[in-house]
ModelCIF file with pLDDT and N, C-alpha, C, O atoms, coordinates in Angstrom:
data_MODEL
#
_entry.id   MODEL 
#
_entity.id                         1 
_entity.type                       polymer 
_entity.pdbx_number_of_molecules   1 
#
_entity_poly.entity_id                      1 
_entity_poly.type                           'polypeptide(L)' 
_entity_poly.nstd_linkage                   no 
_entity_poly.nstd_monomer                   no 
_entity_poly.pdbx_seq_one_letter_code       
;(UNK)(UNK)(UNK)(UNK)(UNK)(UNK)(UNK)(UNK)(UNK)(UNK)(UNK)(UNK)(UNK)(UNK)(UNK)(UNK)
(UNK)(UNK)(UNK)(UNK)(UNK)(UNK)(UNK)(UNK)(UNK)(UNK)(UNK)(UNK)(UNK)(UNK)(UNK)(UNK)
(UNK)(UNK)(UNK)(UNK)(UNK)(UNK)(UNK)(UNK)(UNK)(UNK)(UNK)(UNK)(UNK)(UNK)
;
_entity_poly.pdbx_seq_one_letter_code_can   XXXXXXXXXXXXXXXXXXXXXXXXXXXXXXXXXXXXXXXXXXXXXX 
_entity_poly.pdbx_strand_id                 A 
#
loop_
_entity_poly_seq.entity_id 
_entity_poly_seq.num 
_entity_poly_seq.mon_id 
_entity_poly_seq.hetero 
1 1  UNK n 
1 2  UNK n 
1 3  UNK n 
1 4  UNK n 
1 5  UNK n 
1 6  UNK n 
1 7  UNK n 
1 8  UNK n 
1 9  UNK n 
1 10 UNK n 
1 11 UNK n 
1 12 UNK n 
1 13 UNK n 
1 14 UNK n 
1 15 UNK n 
1 16 UNK n 
1 17 UNK n 
1 18 UNK n 
1 19 UNK n 
1 20 UNK n 
1 21 UNK n 
1 22 UNK n 
1 23 UNK n 
1 24 UNK n 
1 25 UNK n 
1 26 UNK n 
1 27 UNK n 
1 28 UNK n 
1 29 UNK n 
1 30 UNK n 
1 31 UNK n 
1 32 UNK n 
1 33 UNK n 
1 34 UNK n 
1 35 UNK n 
1 36 UNK n 
1 37 UNK n 
1 38 UNK n 
1 39 UNK n 
1 40 UNK n 
1 41 UNK n 
1 42 UNK n 
1 43 UNK n 
1 44 UNK n 
1 45 UNK n 
1 46 UNK n 
#
_struct_asym.id          A 
_struct_asym.entity_id   1 
#
loop_
_ma_qa_metric.id 
_ma_qa_metric.mode 
_ma_qa_metric.name 
_ma_qa_metric.software_group_id 
_ma_qa_metric.type 
1 global pLDDT . pLDDT 
2 local  pLDDT . pLDDT 
#
_ma_qa_metric_global.metric_id      1 
_ma_qa_metric_global.metric_value   90.22 
_ma_qa_metric_global.model_id       1 
_ma_qa_metric_global.ordinal_id     1 
#
loop_
_ma_qa_metric_local.label_asym_id 
_ma_qa_metric_local.label_comp_id 
_ma_qa_metric_local.label_seq_id 
_ma_qa_metric_local.metric_id 
_ma_qa_metric_local.metric_value 
_ma_qa_metric_local.model_id 
_ma_qa_metric_local.ordinal_id 
A UNK 1  2 95.00 1 1  
A UNK 2  2 96.00 1 2  
A UNK 3  2 94.00 1 3  
A UNK 4  2 94.00 1 4  
A UNK 5  2 95.00 1 5  
A UNK 6  2 94.00 1 6  
A UNK 7  2 92.00 1 7  
A UNK 8  2 91.00 1 8  
A UNK 9  2 91.00 1 9  
A UNK 10 2 87.00 1 10 
A UNK 11 2 82.00 1 11 
A UNK 12 2 80.00 1 12 
A UNK 13 2 79.00 1 13 
A UNK 14 2 89.00 1 14 
A UNK 15 2 94.00 1 15 
A UNK 16 2 95.00 1 16 
A UNK 17 2 97.00 1 17 
A UNK 18 2 97.00 1 18 
A UNK 19 2 97.00 1 19 
A UNK 20 2 97.00 1 20 
A UNK 21 2 94.00 1 21 
A UNK 22 2 88.00 1 22 
A UNK 23 2 86.00 1 23 
A UNK 24 2 87.00 1 24 
A UNK 25 2 83.00 1 25 
A UNK 26 2 86.00 1 26 
A UNK 27 2 91.00 1 27 
A UNK 28 2 89.00 1 28 
A UNK 29 2 86.00 1 29 
A UNK 30 2 90.00 1 30 
A UNK 31 2 92.00 1 31 
A UNK 32 2 88.00 1 32 
A UNK 33 2 87.00 1 33 
A UNK 34 2 90.00 1 34 
A UNK 35 2 89.00 1 35 
A UNK 36 2 82.00 1 36 
A UNK 37 2 83.00 1 37 
A UNK 38 2 85.00 1 38 
A UNK 39 2 87.00 1 39 
A UNK 40 2 90.00 1 40 
A UNK 41 2 91.00 1 41 
A UNK 42 2 93.00 1 42 
A UNK 43 2 93.00 1 43 
A UNK 44 2 93.00 1 44 
A UNK 45 2 95.00 1 45 
A UNK 46 2 96.00 1 46 
#
loop_
_atom_site.group_PDB 
_atom_site.id 
_atom_site.type_symbol 
_atom_site.label_atom_id 
_atom_site.label_alt_id 
_atom_site.label_comp_id 
_atom_site.label_asym_id 
_atom_site.label_entity_id 
_atom_site.label_seq_id 
_atom_site.pdbx_PDB_ins_code 
_atom_site.Cartn_x 
_atom_site.Cartn_y 
_atom_site.Cartn_z 
_atom_site.occupancy 
_atom_site.B_iso_or_equiv 
_atom_site.pdbx_formal_charge 
_atom_site.auth_seq_id 
_atom_site.auth_comp_id 
_atom_site.auth_asym_id 
_atom_site.auth_atom_id 
_atom_site.pdbx_PDB_model_num 
ATOM 1   N N  . UNK A 1 1  ? 1.150   9.503   -0.707  1.00 95.00 ? 1  UNK A N  1 
ATOM 2   C CA . UNK A 1 1  ? 2.162   9.505   0.350   1.00 95.00 ? 1  UNK A CA 1 
ATOM 3   C C  . UNK A 1 1  ? 2.669   8.084   0.589   1.00 95.00 ? 1  UNK A C  1 
ATOM 4   O O  . UNK A 1 1  ? 3.862   7.870   0.804   1.00 95.00 ? 1  UNK A O  1 
ATOM 5   N N  . UNK A 1 2  ? 1.751   7.113   0.550   1.00 96.00 ? 2  UNK A N  1 
ATOM 6   C CA . UNK A 1 2  ? 2.158   5.716   0.667   1.00 96.00 ? 2  UNK A CA 1 
ATOM 7   C C  . UNK A 1 2  ? 3.130   5.358   -0.455  1.00 96.00 ? 2  UNK A C  1 
ATOM 8   O O  . UNK A 1 2  ? 4.144   4.703   -0.215  1.00 96.00 ? 2  UNK A O  1 
ATOM 9   N N  . UNK A 1 3  ? 2.823   5.781   -1.664  1.00 94.00 ? 3  UNK A N  1 
ATOM 10  C CA . UNK A 1 3  ? 3.708   5.470   -2.796  1.00 94.00 ? 3  UNK A CA 1 
ATOM 11  C C  . UNK A 1 3  ? 5.077   6.111   -2.607  1.00 94.00 ? 3  UNK A C  1 
ATOM 12  O O  . UNK A 1 3  ? 6.102   5.478   -2.862  1.00 94.00 ? 3  UNK A O  1 
ATOM 13  N N  . UNK A 1 4  ? 5.097   7.364   -2.162  1.00 94.00 ? 4  UNK A N  1 
ATOM 14  C CA . UNK A 1 4  ? 6.371   8.049   -1.957  1.00 94.00 ? 4  UNK A CA 1 
ATOM 15  C C  . UNK A 1 4  ? 7.208   7.328   -0.901  1.00 94.00 ? 4  UNK A C  1 
ATOM 16  O O  . UNK A 1 4  ? 8.415   7.155   -1.075  1.00 94.00 ? 4  UNK A O  1 
ATOM 17  N N  . UNK A 1 5  ? 6.574   6.910   0.186   1.00 95.00 ? 5  UNK A N  1 
ATOM 18  C CA . UNK A 1 5  ? 7.295   6.191   1.238   1.00 95.00 ? 5  UNK A CA 1 
ATOM 19  C C  . UNK A 1 5  ? 7.770   4.826   0.741   1.00 95.00 ? 5  UNK A C  1 
ATOM 20  O O  . UNK A 1 5  ? 8.886   4.401   1.039   1.00 95.00 ? 5  UNK A O  1 
ATOM 21  N N  . UNK A 1 6  ? 6.913   4.148   -0.018  1.00 94.00 ? 6  UNK A N  1 
ATOM 22  C CA . UNK A 1 6  ? 7.267   2.813   -0.515  1.00 94.00 ? 6  UNK A CA 1 
ATOM 23  C C  . UNK A 1 6  ? 8.423   2.883   -1.508  1.00 94.00 ? 6  UNK A C  1 
ATOM 24  O O  . UNK A 1 6  ? 9.295   2.015   -1.511  1.00 94.00 ? 6  UNK A O  1 
ATOM 25  N N  . UNK A 1 7  ? 8.430   3.914   -2.349  1.00 92.00 ? 7  UNK A N  1 
ATOM 26  C CA . UNK A 1 7  ? 9.500   4.049   -3.338  1.00 92.00 ? 7  UNK A CA 1 
ATOM 27  C C  . UNK A 1 7  ? 10.867  4.186   -2.676  1.00 92.00 ? 7  UNK A C  1 
ATOM 28  O O  . UNK A 1 7  ? 11.886  3.828   -3.266  1.00 92.00 ? 7  UNK A O  1 
ATOM 29  N N  . UNK A 1 8  ? 10.887  4.704   -1.447  1.00 91.00 ? 8  UNK A N  1 
ATOM 30  C CA . UNK A 1 8  ? 12.155  4.916   -0.748  1.00 91.00 ? 8  UNK A CA 1 
ATOM 31  C C  . UNK A 1 8  ? 12.586  3.701   0.063   1.00 91.00 ? 8  UNK A C  1 
ATOM 32  O O  . UNK A 1 8  ? 13.670  3.695   0.647   1.00 91.00 ? 8  UNK A O  1 
ATOM 33  N N  . UNK A 1 9  ? 11.732  2.661   0.101   1.00 91.00 ? 9  UNK A N  1 
ATOM 34  C CA . UNK A 1 9  ? 12.040  1.483   0.910   1.00 91.00 ? 9  UNK A CA 1 
ATOM 35  C C  . UNK A 1 9  ? 12.691  0.392   0.069   1.00 91.00 ? 9  UNK A C  1 
ATOM 36  O O  . UNK A 1 9  ? 12.328  0.206   -1.092  1.00 91.00 ? 9  UNK A O  1 
ATOM 37  N N  . UNK A 1 10 ? 13.635  -0.319  0.637   1.00 87.00 ? 10 UNK A N  1 
ATOM 38  C CA . UNK A 1 10 ? 14.182  -1.481  -0.066  1.00 87.00 ? 10 UNK A CA 1 
ATOM 39  C C  . UNK A 1 10 ? 13.193  -2.642  -0.010  1.00 87.00 ? 10 UNK A C  1 
ATOM 40  O O  . UNK A 1 10 ? 12.238  -2.613  0.767   1.00 87.00 ? 10 UNK A O  1 
ATOM 41  N N  . UNK A 1 11 ? 13.418  -3.637  -0.815  1.00 82.00 ? 11 UNK A N  1 
ATOM 42  C CA . UNK A 1 11 ? 12.578  -4.835  -0.780  1.00 82.00 ? 11 UNK A CA 1 
ATOM 43  C C  . UNK A 1 11 ? 12.693  -5.489  0.592   1.00 82.00 ? 11 UNK A C  1 
ATOM 44  O O  . UNK A 1 11 ? 13.758  -5.469  1.210   1.00 82.00 ? 11 UNK A O  1 
ATOM 45  N N  . UNK A 1 12 ? 11.582  -6.072  1.068   1.00 80.00 ? 12 UNK A N  1 
ATOM 46  C CA . UNK A 1 12 ? 11.562  -6.657  2.404   1.00 80.00 ? 12 UNK A CA 1 
ATOM 47  C C  . UNK A 1 12 ? 10.676  -7.888  2.391   1.00 80.00 ? 12 UNK A C  1 
ATOM 48  O O  . UNK A 1 12 ? 9.808   -8.036  1.531   1.00 80.00 ? 12 UNK A O  1 
ATOM 49  N N  . UNK A 1 13 ? 10.902  -8.761  3.349   1.00 79.00 ? 13 UNK A N  1 
ATOM 50  C CA . UNK A 1 13 ? 10.091  -9.977  3.445   1.00 79.00 ? 13 UNK A CA 1 
ATOM 51  C C  . UNK A 1 13 ? 8.697   -9.700  3.980   1.00 79.00 ? 13 UNK A C  1 
ATOM 52  O O  . UNK A 1 13 ? 7.811   -10.549 3.883   1.00 79.00 ? 13 UNK A O  1 
ATOM 53  N N  . UNK A 1 14 ? 8.500   -8.522  4.540   1.00 89.00 ? 14 UNK A N  1 
ATOM 54  C CA . UNK A 1 14 ? 7.176   -8.180  5.063   1.00 89.00 ? 14 UNK A CA 1 
ATOM 55  C C  . UNK A 1 14 ? 6.899   -6.700  4.803   1.00 89.00 ? 14 UNK A C  1 
ATOM 56  O O  . UNK A 1 14 ? 7.834   -5.909  4.682   1.00 89.00 ? 14 UNK A O  1 
ATOM 57  N N  . UNK A 1 15 ? 5.623   -6.322  4.717   1.00 94.00 ? 15 UNK A N  1 
ATOM 58  C CA . UNK A 1 15 ? 5.291   -4.908  4.502   1.00 94.00 ? 15 UNK A CA 1 
ATOM 59  C C  . UNK A 1 15 ? 5.804   -4.030  5.639   1.00 94.00 ? 15 UNK A C  1 
ATOM 60  O O  . UNK A 1 15 ? 5.736   -4.408  6.809   1.00 94.00 ? 15 UNK A O  1 
ATOM 61  N N  . UNK A 1 16 ? 6.315   -2.855  5.282   1.00 95.00 ? 16 UNK A N  1 
ATOM 62  C CA . UNK A 1 16 ? 6.835   -1.928  6.280   1.00 95.00 ? 16 UNK A CA 1 
ATOM 63  C C  . UNK A 1 16 ? 5.976   -0.673  6.419   1.00 95.00 ? 16 UNK A C  1 
ATOM 64  O O  . UNK A 1 16 ? 6.299   0.227   7.194   1.00 95.00 ? 16 UNK A O  1 
ATOM 65  N N  . UNK A 1 17 ? 4.877   -0.619  5.660   1.00 97.00 ? 17 UNK A N  1 
ATOM 66  C CA . UNK A 1 17 ? 3.948   0.511   5.727   1.00 97.00 ? 17 UNK A CA 1 
ATOM 67  C C  . UNK A 1 17 ? 2.568   -0.031  6.078   1.00 97.00 ? 17 UNK A C  1 
ATOM 68  O O  . UNK A 1 17 ? 2.118   -1.021  5.500   1.00 97.00 ? 17 UNK A O  1 
ATOM 69  N N  . UNK A 1 18 ? 1.905   0.614   7.017   1.00 97.00 ? 18 UNK A N  1 
ATOM 70  C CA . UNK A 1 18 ? 0.505   0.312   7.317   1.00 97.00 ? 18 UNK A CA 1 
ATOM 71  C C  . UNK A 1 18 ? -0.358  1.445   6.795   1.00 97.00 ? 18 UNK A C  1 
ATOM 72  O O  . UNK A 1 18 ? -0.143  2.608   7.138   1.00 97.00 ? 18 UNK A O  1 
ATOM 73  N N  . UNK A 1 19 ? -1.337  1.104   5.963   1.00 97.00 ? 19 UNK A N  1 
ATOM 74  C CA . UNK A 1 19 ? -2.361  2.050   5.521   1.00 97.00 ? 19 UNK A CA 1 
ATOM 75  C C  . UNK A 1 19 ? -3.666  1.592   6.136   1.00 97.00 ? 19 UNK A C  1 
ATOM 76  O O  . UNK A 1 19 ? -4.143  0.497   5.837   1.00 97.00 ? 19 UNK A O  1 
ATOM 77  N N  . UNK A 1 20 ? -4.249  2.414   6.993   1.00 97.00 ? 20 UNK A N  1 
ATOM 78  C CA . UNK A 1 20 ? -5.440  1.990   7.727   1.00 97.00 ? 20 UNK A CA 1 
ATOM 79  C C  . UNK A 1 20 ? -6.542  3.037   7.658   1.00 97.00 ? 20 UNK A C  1 
ATOM 80  O O  . UNK A 1 20 ? -6.287  4.223   7.449   1.00 97.00 ? 20 UNK A O  1 
ATOM 81  N N  . UNK A 1 21 ? -7.769  2.571   7.838   1.00 94.00 ? 21 UNK A N  1 
ATOM 82  C CA . UNK A 1 21 ? -8.939  3.439   7.861   1.00 94.00 ? 21 UNK A CA 1 
ATOM 83  C C  . UNK A 1 21 ? -9.975  2.804   8.770   1.00 94.00 ? 21 UNK A C  1 
ATOM 84  O O  . UNK A 1 21 ? -9.691  1.795   9.414   1.00 94.00 ? 21 UNK A O  1 
ATOM 85  N N  . UNK A 1 22 ? -11.176 3.378   8.835   1.00 88.00 ? 22 UNK A N  1 
ATOM 86  C CA . UNK A 1 22 ? -12.130 2.959   9.859   1.00 88.00 ? 22 UNK A CA 1 
ATOM 87  C C  . UNK A 1 22 ? -12.908 1.701   9.487   1.00 88.00 ? 22 UNK A C  1 
ATOM 88  O O  . UNK A 1 22 ? -13.098 0.829   10.334  1.00 88.00 ? 22 UNK A O  1 
ATOM 89  N N  . UNK A 1 23 ? -13.361 1.588   8.244   1.00 86.00 ? 23 UNK A N  1 
ATOM 90  C CA . UNK A 1 23 ? -14.270 0.488   7.893   1.00 86.00 ? 23 UNK A CA 1 
ATOM 91  C C  . UNK A 1 23 ? -13.660 -0.457  6.872   1.00 86.00 ? 23 UNK A C  1 
ATOM 92  O O  . UNK A 1 23 ? -12.694 -0.123  6.186   1.00 86.00 ? 23 UNK A O  1 
ATOM 93  N N  . UNK A 1 24 ? -14.255 -1.661  6.786   1.00 87.00 ? 24 UNK A N  1 
ATOM 94  C CA . UNK A 1 24 ? -13.835 -2.637  5.783   1.00 87.00 ? 24 UNK A CA 1 
ATOM 95  C C  . UNK A 1 24 ? -14.029 -2.116  4.368   1.00 87.00 ? 24 UNK A C  1 
ATOM 96  O O  . UNK A 1 24 ? -13.160 -2.287  3.512   1.00 87.00 ? 24 UNK A O  1 
ATOM 97  N N  . UNK A 1 25 ? -15.177 -1.476  4.121   1.00 83.00 ? 25 UNK A N  1 
ATOM 98  C CA . UNK A 1 25 ? -15.471 -0.998  2.770   1.00 83.00 ? 25 UNK A CA 1 
ATOM 99  C C  . UNK A 1 25 ? -14.433 0.014   2.308   1.00 83.00 ? 25 UNK A C  1 
ATOM 100 O O  . UNK A 1 25 ? -13.996 -0.024  1.158   1.00 83.00 ? 25 UNK A O  1 
ATOM 101 N N  . UNK A 1 26 ? -14.035 0.922   3.201   1.00 86.00 ? 26 UNK A N  1 
ATOM 102 C CA . UNK A 1 26 ? -13.040 1.916   2.828   1.00 86.00 ? 26 UNK A CA 1 
ATOM 103 C C  . UNK A 1 26 ? -11.665 1.281   2.648   1.00 86.00 ? 26 UNK A C  1 
ATOM 104 O O  . UNK A 1 26 ? -10.904 1.690   1.771   1.00 86.00 ? 26 UNK A O  1 
ATOM 105 N N  . UNK A 1 27 ? -11.344 0.293   3.464   1.00 91.00 ? 27 UNK A N  1 
ATOM 106 C CA . UNK A 1 27 ? -10.065 -0.400  3.301   1.00 91.00 ? 27 UNK A CA 1 
ATOM 107 C C  . UNK A 1 27 ? -10.005 -1.113  1.950   1.00 91.00 ? 27 UNK A C  1 
ATOM 108 O O  . UNK A 1 27 ? -8.968  -1.096  1.287   1.00 91.00 ? 27 UNK A O  1 
ATOM 109 N N  . UNK A 1 28 ? -11.102 -1.735  1.541   1.00 89.00 ? 28 UNK A N  1 
ATOM 110 C CA . UNK A 1 28 ? -11.150 -2.396  0.235   1.00 89.00 ? 28 UNK A CA 1 
ATOM 111 C C  . UNK A 1 28 ? -10.966 -1.382  -0.891  1.00 89.00 ? 28 UNK A C  1 
ATOM 112 O O  . UNK A 1 28 ? -10.270 -1.652  -1.870  1.00 89.00 ? 28 UNK A O  1 
ATOM 113 N N  . UNK A 1 29 ? -11.595 -0.214  -0.748  1.00 86.00 ? 29 UNK A N  1 
ATOM 114 C CA . UNK A 1 29 ? -11.449 0.828   -1.764  1.00 86.00 ? 29 UNK A CA 1 
ATOM 115 C C  . UNK A 1 29 ? -9.998  1.303   -1.842  1.00 86.00 ? 29 UNK A C  1 
ATOM 116 O O  . UNK A 1 29 ? -9.460  1.471   -2.936  1.00 86.00 ? 29 UNK A O  1 
ATOM 117 N N  . UNK A 1 30 ? -9.367  1.518   -0.695  1.00 90.00 ? 30 UNK A N  1 
ATOM 118 C CA . UNK A 1 30 ? -7.965  1.947   -0.682  1.00 90.00 ? 30 UNK A CA 1 
ATOM 119 C C  . UNK A 1 30 ? -7.075  0.911   -1.356  1.00 90.00 ? 30 UNK A C  1 
ATOM 120 O O  . UNK A 1 30 ? -6.142  1.270   -2.074  1.00 90.00 ? 30 UNK A O  1 
ATOM 121 N N  . UNK A 1 31 ? -7.352  -0.361  -1.133  1.00 92.00 ? 31 UNK A N  1 
ATOM 122 C CA . UNK A 1 31 ? -6.553  -1.424  -1.748  1.00 92.00 ? 31 UNK A CA 1 
ATOM 123 C C  . UNK A 1 31 ? -6.653  -1.371  -3.267  1.00 92.00 ? 31 UNK A C  1 
ATOM 124 O O  . UNK A 1 31 ? -5.651  -1.516  -3.967  1.00 92.00 ? 31 UNK A O  1 
ATOM 125 N N  . UNK A 1 32 ? -7.867  -1.161  -3.775  1.00 88.00 ? 32 UNK A N  1 
ATOM 126 C CA . UNK A 1 32 ? -8.039  -1.090  -5.237  1.00 88.00 ? 32 UNK A CA 1 
ATOM 127 C C  . UNK A 1 32 ? -7.335  0.136   -5.810  1.00 88.00 ? 32 UNK A C  1 
ATOM 128 O O  . UNK A 1 32 ? -6.672  0.048   -6.844  1.00 88.00 ? 32 UNK A O  1 
ATOM 129 N N  . UNK A 1 33 ? -7.478  1.266   -5.146  1.00 87.00 ? 33 UNK A N  1 
ATOM 130 C CA . UNK A 1 33 ? -6.867  2.493   -5.644  1.00 87.00 ? 33 UNK A CA 1 
ATOM 131 C C  . UNK A 1 33 ? -5.342  2.416   -5.599  1.00 87.00 ? 33 UNK A C  1 
ATOM 132 O O  . UNK A 1 33 ? -4.664  2.879   -6.517  1.00 87.00 ? 33 UNK A O  1 
ATOM 133 N N  . UNK A 1 34 ? -4.812  1.833   -4.536  1.00 90.00 ? 34 UNK A N  1 
ATOM 134 C CA . UNK A 1 34 ? -3.358  1.732   -4.429  1.00 90.00 ? 34 UNK A CA 1 
ATOM 135 C C  . UNK A 1 34 ? -2.814  0.783   -5.494  1.00 90.00 ? 34 UNK A C  1 
ATOM 136 O O  . UNK A 1 34 ? -1.738  1.018   -6.043  1.00 90.00 ? 34 UNK A O  1 
ATOM 137 N N  . UNK A 1 35 ? -3.545  -0.275  -5.784  1.00 89.00 ? 35 UNK A N  1 
ATOM 138 C CA . UNK A 1 35 ? -3.132  -1.186  -6.844  1.00 89.00 ? 35 UNK A CA 1 
ATOM 139 C C  . UNK A 1 35 ? -3.134  -0.471  -8.196  1.00 89.00 ? 35 UNK A C  1 
ATOM 140 O O  . UNK A 1 35 ? -2.235  -0.679  -9.011  1.00 89.00 ? 35 UNK A O  1 
ATOM 141 N N  . UNK A 1 36 ? -4.144  0.371   -8.433  1.00 82.00 ? 36 UNK A N  1 
ATOM 142 C CA . UNK A 1 36 ? -4.180  1.158   -9.670  1.00 82.00 ? 36 UNK A CA 1 
ATOM 143 C C  . UNK A 1 36 ? -2.985  2.104   -9.747  1.00 82.00 ? 36 UNK A C  1 
ATOM 144 O O  . UNK A 1 36 ? -2.451  2.357   -10.828 1.00 82.00 ? 36 UNK A O  1 
ATOM 145 N N  . UNK A 1 37 ? -2.576  2.617   -8.608  1.00 83.00 ? 37 UNK A N  1 
ATOM 146 C CA . UNK A 1 37 ? -1.512  3.612   -8.577  1.00 83.00 ? 37 UNK A CA 1 
ATOM 147 C C  . UNK A 1 37 ? -0.141  2.998   -8.815  1.00 83.00 ? 37 UNK A C  1 
ATOM 148 O O  . UNK A 1 37 ? 0.695   3.604   -9.484  1.00 83.00 ? 37 UNK A O  1 
ATOM 149 N N  . UNK A 1 38 ? 0.106   1.796   -8.277  1.00 85.00 ? 38 UNK A N  1 
ATOM 150 C CA . UNK A 1 38 ? 1.456   1.255   -8.389  1.00 85.00 ? 38 UNK A CA 1 
ATOM 151 C C  . UNK A 1 38 ? 1.567   -0.222  -8.636  1.00 85.00 ? 38 UNK A C  1 
ATOM 152 O O  . UNK A 1 38 ? 2.673   -0.732  -8.812  1.00 85.00 ? 38 UNK A O  1 
ATOM 153 N N  . UNK A 1 39 ? 0.444   -0.935  -8.655  1.00 87.00 ? 39 UNK A N  1 
ATOM 154 C CA . UNK A 1 39 ? 0.482   -2.350  -8.944  1.00 87.00 ? 39 UNK A CA 1 
ATOM 155 C C  . UNK A 1 39 ? 1.110   -3.174  -7.830  1.00 87.00 ? 39 UNK A C  1 
ATOM 156 O O  . UNK A 1 39 ? 1.318   -2.674  -6.725  1.00 87.00 ? 39 UNK A O  1 
ATOM 157 N N  . UNK A 1 40 ? 1.413   -4.445  -8.121  1.00 90.00 ? 40 UNK A N  1 
ATOM 158 C CA . UNK A 1 40 ? 1.922   -5.369  -7.093  1.00 90.00 ? 40 UNK A CA 1 
ATOM 159 C C  . UNK A 1 40 ? 3.226   -4.925  -6.446  1.00 90.00 ? 40 UNK A C  1 
ATOM 160 O O  . UNK A 1 40 ? 3.443   -5.187  -5.263  1.00 90.00 ? 40 UNK A O  1 
ATOM 161 N N  . UNK A 1 41 ? 4.096   -4.258  -7.195  1.00 91.00 ? 41 UNK A N  1 
ATOM 162 C CA . UNK A 1 41 ? 5.363   -3.817  -6.608  1.00 91.00 ? 41 UNK A CA 1 
ATOM 163 C C  . UNK A 1 41 ? 5.133   -2.837  -5.462  1.00 91.00 ? 41 UNK A C  1 
ATOM 164 O O  . UNK A 1 41 ? 5.906   -2.796  -4.504  1.00 91.00 ? 41 UNK A O  1 
ATOM 165 N N  . UNK A 1 42 ? 4.070   -2.053  -5.568  1.00 93.00 ? 42 UNK A N  1 
ATOM 166 C CA . UNK A 1 42 ? 3.739   -1.108  -4.504  1.00 93.00 ? 42 UNK A CA 1 
ATOM 167 C C  . UNK A 1 42 ? 2.985   -1.802  -3.375  1.00 93.00 ? 42 UNK A C  1 
ATOM 168 O O  . UNK A 1 42 ? 3.353   -1.660  -2.210  1.00 93.00 ? 42 UNK A O  1 
ATOM 169 N N  . UNK A 1 43 ? 1.945   -2.543  -3.702  1.00 93.00 ? 43 UNK A N  1 
ATOM 170 C CA . UNK A 1 43 ? 1.099   -3.125  -2.660  1.00 93.00 ? 43 UNK A CA 1 
ATOM 171 C C  . UNK A 1 43 ? 1.840   -4.186  -1.843  1.00 93.00 ? 43 UNK A C  1 
ATOM 172 O O  . UNK A 1 43 ? 1.442   -4.477  -0.715  1.00 93.00 ? 43 UNK A O  1 
ATOM 173 N N  . UNK A 1 44 ? 2.915   -4.771  -2.393  1.00 93.00 ? 44 UNK A N  1 
ATOM 174 C CA . UNK A 1 44 ? 3.690   -5.750  -1.634  1.00 93.00 ? 44 UNK A CA 1 
ATOM 175 C C  . UNK A 1 44 ? 4.386   -5.125  -0.440  1.00 93.00 ? 44 UNK A C  1 
ATOM 176 O O  . UNK A 1 44 ? 4.775   -5.833  0.489   1.00 93.00 ? 44 UNK A O  1 
ATOM 177 N N  . UNK A 1 45 ? 4.550   -3.817  -0.451  1.00 95.00 ? 45 UNK A N  1 
ATOM 178 C CA . UNK A 1 45 ? 5.235   -3.132  0.644   1.00 95.00 ? 45 UNK A CA 1 
ATOM 179 C C  . UNK A 1 45 ? 4.270   -2.564  1.681   1.00 95.00 ? 45 UNK A C  1 
ATOM 180 O O  . UNK A 1 45 ? 4.695   -1.922  2.641   1.00 95.00 ? 45 UNK A O  1 
ATOM 181 N N  . UNK A 1 46 ? 2.960   -2.804  1.485   1.00 96.00 ? 46 UNK A N  1 
ATOM 182 C CA . UNK A 1 46 ? 1.945   -2.136  2.301   1.00 96.00 ? 46 UNK A CA 1 
ATOM 183 C C  . UNK A 1 46 ? 0.929   -3.131  2.845   1.00 96.00 ? 46 UNK A C  1 
ATOM 184 O O  . UNK A 1 46 ? 0.001   -2.741  3.554   1.00 96.00 ? 46 UNK A O  1 
#
C-alpha cells in the first residue's frame, strides 16, 4: 500500500508518507522490506 501511494506522488523535498509501527525492531524490518520492494526511489518518499 505504501508503494501504491508513493507511485502516485510527485517528487518532493520531504517524505509525504509515514509508515509506523510499535517497536524499533519492527520499524527496522519494515525499512529493509520496503527497500527490497522499491529501492531508494521508494524509500525517499517515506
